[in-house]
Amino acid sequence: MDLPVLPSLPKSQTEPDGSAVIRVLSYNIRSLRDDEDALARVIRACAPDLVFVQEAPRFFRWRKHAARLASKSELVVLSGGATAAGPLLLCSLRAFVERTEDVLLPMTPGLHRRGFATAVVRFGAVRVGVLSAHLSLDPGERLAQAGLLLERTEAMDTPYKIAAGDFNEPPEGPAFARVAARLQDCRTVAPWGGEHTFTGGPSARRIDAVFASQGVEVLGCGVPEGLPGVTPADLRAATDHLPVLAALRLPAP
């Protein structure tokens, strides 16, 4: 069954006063183990300026796999991948890259290594720091990593910050709530599209999110079910998570 068509989401543009409207997408791609072409179709239909990827390929020829996904999605690789333990950033040619940094987080013995893919980019005259994250399955480690995420974003020398990723818990969880206490939870500020991002397990949950610093105007955020070009078949085939798409306005300096 086809999904109802969503209300329109603002498209990327630079406004007359120099403000930048951008689209950002957060997506757990499960190491490209599913239908890569369906994944690329979903990403293209969302027309993002920035893609915050989790579970990017980390092993044999991982750079080649990341570059291939970027090409199929009409984007380029910005930072991350195996050097960030999985988080990856893609961007459109609209973004001017100032710097990138891949960050490995402290490792707990017996648990998977985690990291952040980070960058500072410009859209016209507007500078923004960005961070892609995939927090731990362990509750205690996850809470500590939420604190490190906030430290890292706040240390960026930019007027605006965006952090997005798979937080492995719903909004009422302590790690999610810790981030939401300091950054805007874009879905809560301006709901648009679907809510739940992971339907595996006993119940559907919202465990993937886009966060933005104060001063960023959130124009809409949610799962792009029903967005023109995004089909239920492609969403099912692409990966086990659903993407989160947000339109954000970054006021001119």
C-alpha atoms as a PDB file:
ATOM      1  CA  MET A   1       0.000   0.000   0.000  1.00  0.00           C
ATOM      2  CA  ASP A   2       1.305   3.436  -0.892  1.00  0.00           C
ATOM      3  CA  LEU A   3       1.900   5.880   1.930  1.00  0.00           C
ATOM      4  CA  PRO A   4       0.079   9.223   2.018  1.00  0.00           C
ATOM      5  CA  VAL A   5       2.026  12.065   0.467  1.00  0.00           C
ATOM      6  CA  LEU A   6       3.794  14.190   3.072  1.00  0.00           C
ATOM      7  CA  PRO A   7       3.442  17.948   3.376  1.00  0.00           C
ATOM      8  CA  SER A   8       6.287  19.587   1.517  1.00  0.00           C
ATOM      9  CA  LEU A   9       9.587  20.039   3.339  1.00  0.00           C
ATOM     10  CA  PRO A  10      11.630  23.156   2.532  1.00  0.00           C
ATOM     11  CA  LYS A  11      14.280  22.589  -0.106  1.00  0.00           C
ATOM     12  CA  SER A  12      17.924  23.553   0.197  1.00  0.00           C
ATOM     13  CA  GLN A  13      18.578  27.167  -0.656  1.00  0.00           C
ATOM     14  CA  THR A  14      20.534  30.271   0.258  1.00  0.00           C
ATOM     15  CA  GLU A  15      18.175  33.069   1.209  1.00  0.00           C
ATOM     16  CA  PRO A  16      18.633  36.722   0.167  1.00  0.00           C
ATOM     17  CA  ASP A  17      19.997  37.678   3.595  1.00  0.00           C
ATOM     18  CA  GLY A  18      22.635  34.922   3.423  1.00  0.00           C
ATOM     19  CA  SER A  19      20.836  32.438   5.656  1.00  0.00           C
ATOM     20  CA  ALA A  20      21.162  28.801   4.586  1.00  0.00           C
ATOM     21  CA  VAL A  21      18.313  26.295   4.471  1.00  0.00           C
ATOM     22  CA  ILE A  22      19.804  22.807   4.472  1.00  0.00           C
ATOM     23  CA  ARG A  23      18.509  19.254   4.514  1.00  0.00           C
ATOM     24  CA  VAL A  24      20.254  16.726   6.747  1.00  0.00           C
ATOM     25  CA  LEU A  25      19.672  12.990   6.831  1.00  0.00           C
ATOM     26  CA  SER A  26      20.637  10.481   9.530  1.00  0.00           C
ATOM     27  CA  TYR A  27      20.738   6.831   8.447  1.00  0.00           C
ATOM     28  CA  ASN A  28      21.996   3.559   9.943  1.00  0.00           C
ATOM     29  CA  ILE A  29      22.944   1.563   6.829  1.00  0.00           C
ATOM     30  CA  ARG A  30      23.914  -1.770   8.476  1.00  0.00           C
ATOM     31  CA  SER A  31      27.319  -1.958   6.757  1.00  0.00           C
ATOM     32  CA  LEU A  32      25.690  -2.046   3.299  1.00  0.00           C
ATOM     33  CA  ARG A  33      24.548  -5.636   3.901  1.00  0.00           C
ATOM     34  CA  ASP A  34      21.149  -5.012   2.319  1.00  0.00           C
ATOM     35  CA  ASP A  35      19.992  -3.491  -1.010  1.00  0.00           C
ATOM     36  CA  GLU A  36      22.515  -0.768  -1.774  1.00  0.00           C
ATOM     37  CA  ASP A  37      20.604   0.520  -4.791  1.00  0.00           C
ATOM     38  CA  ALA A  38      17.418   0.907  -2.735  1.00  0.00           C
ATOM     39  CA  LEU A  39      19.448   2.740  -0.088  1.00  0.00           C
ATOM     40  CA  ALA A  40      20.857   5.134  -2.679  1.00  0.00           C
ATOM     41  CA  ARG A  41      17.390   5.795  -4.107  1.00  0.00           C
ATOM     42  CA  VAL A  42      16.100   6.748  -0.650  1.00  0.00           C
ATOM     43  CA  ILE A  43      19.033   9.075  -0.060  1.00  0.00           C
ATOM     44  CA  ARG A  44      18.687  10.755  -3.474  1.00  0.00           C
ATOM     45  CA  ALA A  45      14.952  11.268  -2.984  1.00  0.00           C
ATOM     46  CA  CYS A  46      15.643  13.056   0.315  1.00  0.00           C
ATOM     47  CA  ALA A  47      18.019  15.481  -1.504  1.00  0.00           C
ATOM     48  CA  PRO A  48      20.252  16.041   1.549  1.00  0.00           C
ATOM     49  CA  ASP A  49      23.137  18.476   1.883  1.00  0.00           C
ATOM     50  CA  LEU A  50      24.601  16.354   4.687  1.00  0.00           C
ATOM     51  CA  VAL A  51      24.181  12.663   5.505  1.00  0.00           C
ATOM     52  CA  PHE A  52      25.070  11.384   8.972  1.00  0.00           C
ATOM     53  CA  VAL A  53      25.712   7.666   8.439  1.00  0.00           C
ATOM     54  CA  GLN A  54      26.034   4.966  11.085  1.00  0.00           C
ATOM     55  CA  GLU A  55      27.360   1.425  10.601  1.00  0.00           C
ATOM     56  CA  ALA A  56      29.333   2.333   7.495  1.00  0.00           C
ATOM     57  CA  PRO A  57      31.621  -0.444   6.157  1.00  0.00           C
ATOM     58  CA  ARG A  58      34.701  -0.803   8.386  1.00  0.00           C
ATOM     59  CA  PHE A  59      36.692  -3.666   6.934  1.00  0.00           C
ATOM     60  CA  PHE A  60      38.058  -4.831   3.553  1.00  0.00           C
ATOM     61  CA  ARG A  61      38.072  -1.993   0.991  1.00  0.00           C
ATOM     62  CA  TRP A  62      35.807   0.118   3.175  1.00  0.00           C
ATOM     63  CA  ARG A  63      36.830   3.360   1.454  1.00  0.00           C
ATOM     64  CA  LYS A  64      35.801   1.923  -1.907  1.00  0.00           C
ATOM     65  CA  HIS A  65      32.390   0.928  -0.539  1.00  0.00           C
ATOM     66  CA  ALA A  66      31.832   4.365   1.016  1.00  0.00           C
ATOM     67  CA  ALA A  67      32.849   6.126  -2.193  1.00  0.00           C
ATOM     68  CA  ARG A  68      30.520   3.917  -4.233  1.00  0.00           C
ATOM     69  CA  LEU A  69      27.540   4.704  -1.992  1.00  0.00           C
ATOM     70  CA  ALA A  70      28.358   8.410  -2.163  1.00  0.00           C
ATOM     71  CA  SER A  71      28.535   8.287  -5.966  1.00  0.00           C
ATOM     72  CA  LYS A  72      25.244   6.401  -6.259  1.00  0.00           C
ATOM     73  CA  SER A  73      23.668   8.965  -3.916  1.00  0.00           C
ATOM     74  CA  GLU A  74      25.098  11.921  -5.913  1.00  0.00           C
ATOM     75  CA  LEU A  75      27.193  12.985  -2.921  1.00  0.00           C
ATOM     76  CA  VAL A  76      30.838  12.866  -1.821  1.00  0.00           C
ATOM     77  CA  VAL A  77      32.554  11.394   1.239  1.00  0.00           C
ATOM     78  CA  LEU A  78      33.243  14.046   3.870  1.00  0.00           C
ATOM     79  CA  SER A  79      34.807  12.120   6.780  1.00  0.00           C
ATOM     80  CA  GLY A  80      34.601   9.006   8.918  1.00  0.00           C
ATOM     81  CA  GLY A  81      34.171   5.328   8.162  1.00  0.00           C
ATOM     82  CA  ALA A  82      36.514   2.752   9.667  1.00  0.00           C
ATOM     83  CA  THR A  83      38.722   5.523  11.071  1.00  0.00           C
ATOM     84  CA  ALA A  84      35.758   6.636  13.212  1.00  0.00           C
ATOM     85  CA  ALA A  85      34.673   3.044  14.033  1.00  0.00           C
ATOM     86  CA  GLY A  86      31.607   3.244  11.784  1.00  0.00           C
ATOM     87  CA  PRO A  87      30.095   6.743  11.700  1.00  0.00           C
ATOM     88  CA  LEU A  88      30.494   8.434   8.314  1.00  0.00           C
ATOM     89  CA  LEU A  89      29.621  11.846   6.865  1.00  0.00           C
ATOM     90  CA  LEU A  90      28.581  12.472   3.250  1.00  0.00           C
ATOM     91  CA  CYS A  91      27.856  15.876   1.733  1.00  0.00           C
ATOM     92  CA  SER A  92      26.708  17.566  -1.436  1.00  0.00           C
ATOM     93  CA  LEU A  93      28.956  19.821  -3.480  1.00  0.00           C
ATOM     94  CA  ARG A  94      27.078  22.740  -1.936  1.00  0.00           C
ATOM     95  CA  ALA A  95      29.106  22.290   1.263  1.00  0.00           C
ATOM     96  CA  PHE A  96      32.526  23.931   1.525  1.00  0.00           C
ATOM     97  CA  VAL A  97      34.710  21.839   3.808  1.00  0.00           C
ATOM     98  CA  GLU A  98      36.927  23.657   6.313  1.00  0.00           C
ATOM     99  CA  ARG A  99      38.216  20.675   8.275  1.00  0.00           C
ATOM    100  CA  THR A 100      37.414  17.112   9.323  1.00  0.00           C
ATOM    101  CA  GLU A 101      38.355  14.943  12.286  1.00  0.00           C
ATOM    102  CA  ASP A 102      37.645  11.311  13.099  1.00  0.00           C
ATOM    103  CA  VAL A 103      37.434  10.631  16.845  1.00  0.00           C
ATOM    104  CA  LEU A 104      37.820   7.246  18.544  1.00  0.00           C
ATOM    105  CA  LEU A 105      36.153   7.015  21.950  1.00  0.00           C
ATOM    106  CA  PRO A 106      37.506   5.198  25.022  1.00  0.00           C
ATOM    107  CA  MET A 107      36.974   1.472  24.631  1.00  0.00           C
ATOM    108  CA  THR A 108      35.375  -0.749  27.253  1.00  0.00           C
ATOM    109  CA  PRO A 109      36.869  -4.283  27.167  1.00  0.00           C
ATOM    110  CA  GLY A 110      34.471  -6.701  25.539  1.00  0.00           C
ATOM    111  CA  LEU A 111      32.412  -3.999  23.832  1.00  0.00           C
ATOM    112  CA  HIS A 112      32.505  -2.662  20.283  1.00  0.00           C
ATOM    113  CA  ARG A 113      34.760   0.361  19.701  1.00  0.00           C
ATOM    114  CA  ARG A 114      32.805   3.566  19.048  1.00  0.00           C
ATOM    115  CA  GLY A 115      33.708   6.902  17.518  1.00  0.00           C
ATOM    116  CA  PHE A 116      32.510  10.172  15.994  1.00  0.00           C
ATOM    117  CA  ALA A 117      32.865  11.450  12.442  1.00  0.00           C
ATOM    118  CA  THR A 118      33.115  15.240  12.660  1.00  0.00           C
ATOM    119  CA  ALA A 119      33.602  18.191  10.326  1.00  0.00           C
ATOM    120  CA  VAL A 120      33.237  21.942  10.028  1.00  0.00           C
ATOM    121  CA  VAL A 121      31.567  23.050   6.792  1.00  0.00           C
ATOM    122  CA  ARG A 122      30.209  26.247   5.291  1.00  0.00           C
ATOM    123  CA  PHE A 123      27.091  26.953   3.302  1.00  0.00           C
ATOM    124  CA  GLY A 124      27.812  30.345   1.828  1.00  0.00           C
ATOM    125  CA  ALA A 125      28.919  32.471   4.774  1.00  0.00           C
ATOM    126  CA  VAL A 126      27.283  30.220   7.387  1.00  0.00           C
ATOM    127  CA  ARG A 127      29.588  27.887   9.347  1.00  0.00           C
ATOM    128  CA  VAL A 128      28.335  24.759  11.076  1.00  0.00           C
ATOM    129  CA  GLY A 129      29.983  21.942  13.012  1.00  0.00           C
ATOM    130  CA  VAL A 130      28.596  18.458  12.372  1.00  0.00           C
ATOM    131  CA  LEU A 131      28.978  15.117  14.159  1.00  0.00           C
ATOM    132  CA  SER A 132      27.751  11.617  13.276  1.00  0.00           C
ATOM    133  CA  ALA A 133      27.472   9.168  16.175  1.00  0.00           C
ATOM    134  CA  HIS A 134      26.404   5.625  16.998  1.00  0.00           C
ATOM    135  CA  LEU A 135      26.199   5.198  20.757  1.00  0.00           C
ATOM    136  CA  SER A 136      26.878   2.002  22.683  1.00  0.00           C
ATOM    137  CA  LEU A 137      24.463  -0.825  23.406  1.00  0.00           C
ATOM    138  CA  ASP A 138      25.685  -0.760  27.019  1.00  0.00           C
ATOM    139  CA  PRO A 139      23.641   1.740  29.103  1.00  0.00           C
ATOM    140  CA  GLY A 140      26.510   3.037  31.208  1.00  0.00           C
ATOM    141  CA  GLU A 141      28.901   3.455  28.308  1.00  0.00           C
ATOM    142  CA  ARG A 142      26.117   5.026  26.253  1.00  0.00           C
ATOM    143  CA  LEU A 143      25.476   7.684  28.891  1.00  0.00           C
ATOM    144  CA  ALA A 144      29.177   8.518  29.067  1.00  0.00           C
ATOM    145  CA  GLN A 145      29.347   8.768  25.267  1.00  0.00           C
ATOM    146  CA  ALA A 146      26.410  11.186  25.275  1.00  0.00           C
ATOM    147  CA  GLY A 147      28.502  13.450  27.482  1.00  0.00           C
ATOM    148  CA  LEU A 148      31.483  13.148  25.137  1.00  0.00           C
ATOM    149  CA  LEU A 149      29.211  14.023  22.210  1.00  0.00           C
ATOM    150  CA  LEU A 150      28.162  17.230  23.948  1.00  0.00           C
ATOM    151  CA  GLU A 151      31.761  18.088  24.817  1.00  0.00           C
ATOM    152  CA  ARG A 152      32.861  17.576  21.232  1.00  0.00           C
ATOM    153  CA  THR A 153      30.072  19.633  19.665  1.00  0.00           C
ATOM    154  CA  GLU A 154      30.463  22.471  22.157  1.00  0.00           C
ATOM    155  CA  ALA A 155      34.209  22.605  21.463  1.00  0.00           C
ATOM    156  CA  MET A 156      33.632  23.270  17.766  1.00  0.00           C
ATOM    157  CA  ASP A 157      34.424  26.886  16.898  1.00  0.00           C
ATOM    158  CA  THR A 158      31.191  27.428  14.958  1.00  0.00           C
ATOM    159  CA  PRO A 159      27.992  29.376  15.622  1.00  0.00           C
ATOM    160  CA  TYR A 160      25.852  26.323  14.855  1.00  0.00           C
ATOM    161  CA  LYS A 161      26.196  22.612  15.605  1.00  0.00           C
ATOM    162  CA  ILE A 162      24.335  19.540  14.339  1.00  0.00           C
ATOM    163  CA  ALA A 163      24.720  16.075  15.858  1.00  0.00           C
ATOM    164  CA  ALA A 164      22.816  13.094  14.526  1.00  0.00           C
ATOM    165  CA  GLY A 165      22.868   9.350  14.733  1.00  0.00           C
ATOM    166  CA  ASP A 166      21.712   6.109  16.252  1.00  0.00           C
ATOM    167  CA  PHE A 167      21.361   6.599  20.003  1.00  0.00           C
ATOM    168  CA  ASN A 168      20.290   3.013  20.758  1.00  0.00           C
ATOM    169  CA  GLU A 169      17.562   4.171  23.125  1.00  0.00           C
ATOM    170  CA  PRO A 170      14.290   6.144  22.901  1.00  0.00           C
ATOM    171  CA  PRO A 171      13.844   9.774  24.009  1.00  0.00           C
ATOM    172  CA  GLU A 172      13.009   8.805  27.597  1.00  0.00           C
ATOM    173  CA  GLY A 173      16.395   7.079  27.958  1.00  0.00           C
ATOM    174  CA  PRO A 174      19.049   8.872  30.025  1.00  0.00           C
ATOM    175  CA  ALA A 175      21.631   9.258  27.237  1.00  0.00           C
ATOM    176  CA  PHE A 176      19.078  10.585  24.743  1.00  0.00           C
ATOM    177  CA  ALA A 177      17.656  12.908  27.398  1.00  0.00           C
ATOM    178  CA  ARG A 178      21.146  14.141  28.295  1.00  0.00           C
ATOM    179  CA  VAL A 179      21.725  15.292  24.729  1.00  0.00           C
ATOM    180  CA  ALA A 180      18.192  16.701  24.405  1.00  0.00           C
ATOM    181  CA  ALA A 181      18.742  18.834  27.523  1.00  0.00           C
ATOM    182  CA  ARG A 182      21.507  20.770  25.747  1.00  0.00           C
ATOM    183  CA  LEU A 183      20.595  20.532  22.058  1.00  0.00           C
ATOM    184  CA  GLN A 184      17.277  20.788  20.246  1.00  0.00           C
ATOM    185  CA  ASP A 185      15.685  17.401  19.476  1.00  0.00           C
ATOM    186  CA  CYS A 186      14.554  18.361  15.979  1.00  0.00           C
ATOM    187  CA  ARG A 187      11.709  15.848  15.820  1.00  0.00           C
ATOM    188  CA  THR A 188      10.200  17.233  19.030  1.00  0.00           C
ATOM    189  CA  VAL A 189      10.580  20.850  17.883  1.00  0.00           C
ATOM    190  CA  ALA A 190       8.987  20.445  14.438  1.00  0.00           C
ATOM    191  CA  PRO A 191       7.391  17.008  13.857  1.00  0.00           C
ATOM    192  CA  TRP A 192       7.082  15.975  10.214  1.00  0.00           C
ATOM    193  CA  GLY A 193       6.766  12.564   8.601  1.00  0.00           C
ATOM    194  CA  GLY A 194       6.967   9.369  10.600  1.00  0.00           C
ATOM    195  CA  GLU A 195       8.199   8.960  14.164  1.00  0.00           C
ATOM    196  CA  HIS A 196       9.621   5.481  14.724  1.00  0.00           C
ATOM    197  CA  THR A 197      13.012   4.665  13.217  1.00  0.00           C
ATOM    198  CA  PHE A 198      13.479   1.037  14.274  1.00  0.00           C
ATOM    199  CA  THR A 199      10.736  -1.546  14.013  1.00  0.00           C
ATOM    200  CA  GLY A 200      12.707  -4.648  15.007  1.00  0.00           C
ATOM    201  CA  GLY A 201      12.010  -6.260  18.361  1.00  0.00           C
ATOM    202  CA  PRO A 202       8.797  -6.258  20.349  1.00  0.00           C
ATOM    203  CA  SER A 203       7.812  -2.652  19.577  1.00  0.00           C
ATOM    204  CA  ALA A 204       8.600   0.209  17.205  1.00  0.00           C
ATOM    205  CA  ARG A 205      10.908   2.848  18.695  1.00  0.00           C
ATOM    206  CA  ARG A 206      12.492   6.199  17.890  1.00  0.00           C
ATOM    207  CA  ILE A 207      16.185   5.589  18.545  1.00  0.00           C
ATOM    208  CA  ASP A 208      17.675   7.666  15.689  1.00  0.00           C
ATOM    209  CA  ALA A 209      17.617  11.451  15.894  1.00  0.00           C
ATOM    210  CA  VAL A 210      18.883  14.792  14.625  1.00  0.00           C
ATOM    211  CA  PHE A 211      19.919  17.388  17.215  1.00  0.00           C
ATOM    212  CA  ALA A 212      20.763  21.055  16.576  1.00  0.00           C
ATOM    213  CA  SER A 213      22.173  23.827  18.723  1.00  0.00           C
ATOM    214  CA  GLN A 214      20.188  26.847  19.802  1.00  0.00           C
ATOM    215  CA  GLY A 215      19.853  29.413  17.032  1.00  0.00           C
ATOM    216  CA  VAL A 216      19.165  26.796  14.376  1.00  0.00           C
ATOM    217  CA  GLU A 217      15.571  27.046  13.169  1.00  0.00           C
ATOM    218  CA  VAL A 218      14.025  23.594  12.775  1.00  0.00           C
ATOM    219  CA  LEU A 219      11.602  23.571   9.836  1.00  0.00           C
ATOM    220  CA  GLY A 220      10.607  19.913   9.986  1.00  0.00           C
ATOM    221  CA  CYS A 221      12.037  16.548  11.053  1.00  0.00           C
ATOM    222  CA  GLY A 222      10.990  12.913  10.837  1.00  0.00           C
ATOM    223  CA  VAL A 223      11.038   9.696   8.862  1.00  0.00           C
ATOM    224  CA  PRO A 224      10.417  10.558   5.172  1.00  0.00           C
ATOM    225  CA  GLU A 225       7.692   7.952   4.664  1.00  0.00           C
ATOM    226  CA  GLY A 226       5.554   9.259   1.805  1.00  0.00           C
ATOM    227  CA  LEU A 227       8.149  11.717   0.519  1.00  0.00           C
ATOM    228  CA  PRO A 228       8.011  11.683  -3.307  1.00  0.00           C
ATOM    229  CA  GLY A 229      10.513   9.113  -4.537  1.00  0.00           C
ATOM    230  CA  VAL A 230      10.712   7.248  -1.202  1.00  0.00           C
ATOM    231  CA  THR A 231       8.811   3.973  -1.492  1.00  0.00           C
ATOM    232  CA  PRO A 232       7.883   1.504   1.270  1.00  0.00           C
ATOM    233  CA  ALA A 233       9.656  -1.231  -0.714  1.00  0.00           C
ATOM    234  CA  ASP A 234      12.921   0.717  -0.813  1.00  0.00           C
ATOM    235  CA  LEU A 235      12.712   1.591   2.890  1.00  0.00           C
ATOM    236  CA  ARG A 236      12.261  -2.100   3.739  1.00  0.00           C
ATOM    237  CA  ALA A 237      15.031  -3.248   1.398  1.00  0.00           C
ATOM    238  CA  ALA A 238      17.646  -0.597   2.206  1.00  0.00           C
ATOM    239  CA  THR A 239      18.483  -1.441   5.846  1.00  0.00           C
ATOM    240  CA  ASP A 240      16.873  -2.366   9.168  1.00  0.00           C
ATOM    241  CA  HIS A 241      16.555   1.275  10.295  1.00  0.00           C
ATOM    242  CA  LEU A 242      14.450   4.079   8.862  1.00  0.00           C
ATOM    243  CA  PRO A 243      16.131   7.388   8.020  1.00  0.00           C
ATOM    244  CA  VAL A 244      15.530  10.710   9.744  1.00  0.00           C
ATOM    245  CA  LEU A 245      15.313  13.771   7.485  1.00  0.00           C
ATOM    246  CA  ALA A 246      15.380  17.345   8.799  1.00  0.00           C
ATOM    247  CA  ALA A 247      15.167  20.737   7.149  1.00  0.00           C
ATOM    248  CA  LEU A 248      17.065  23.378   9.104  1.00  0.00           C
ATOM    249  CA  ARG A 249      17.546  27.095   8.663  1.00  0.00           C
ATOM    250  CA  LEU A 250      20.933  28.484   9.675  1.00  0.00           C
ATOM    251  CA  PRO A 251      20.591  32.267  10.095  1.00  0.00           C
ATOM    252  CA  ALA A 252      23.168  34.475   8.419  1.00  0.00           C
ATOM    253  CA  PRO A 253      26.029  35.683  10.628  1.00  0.00           C
END
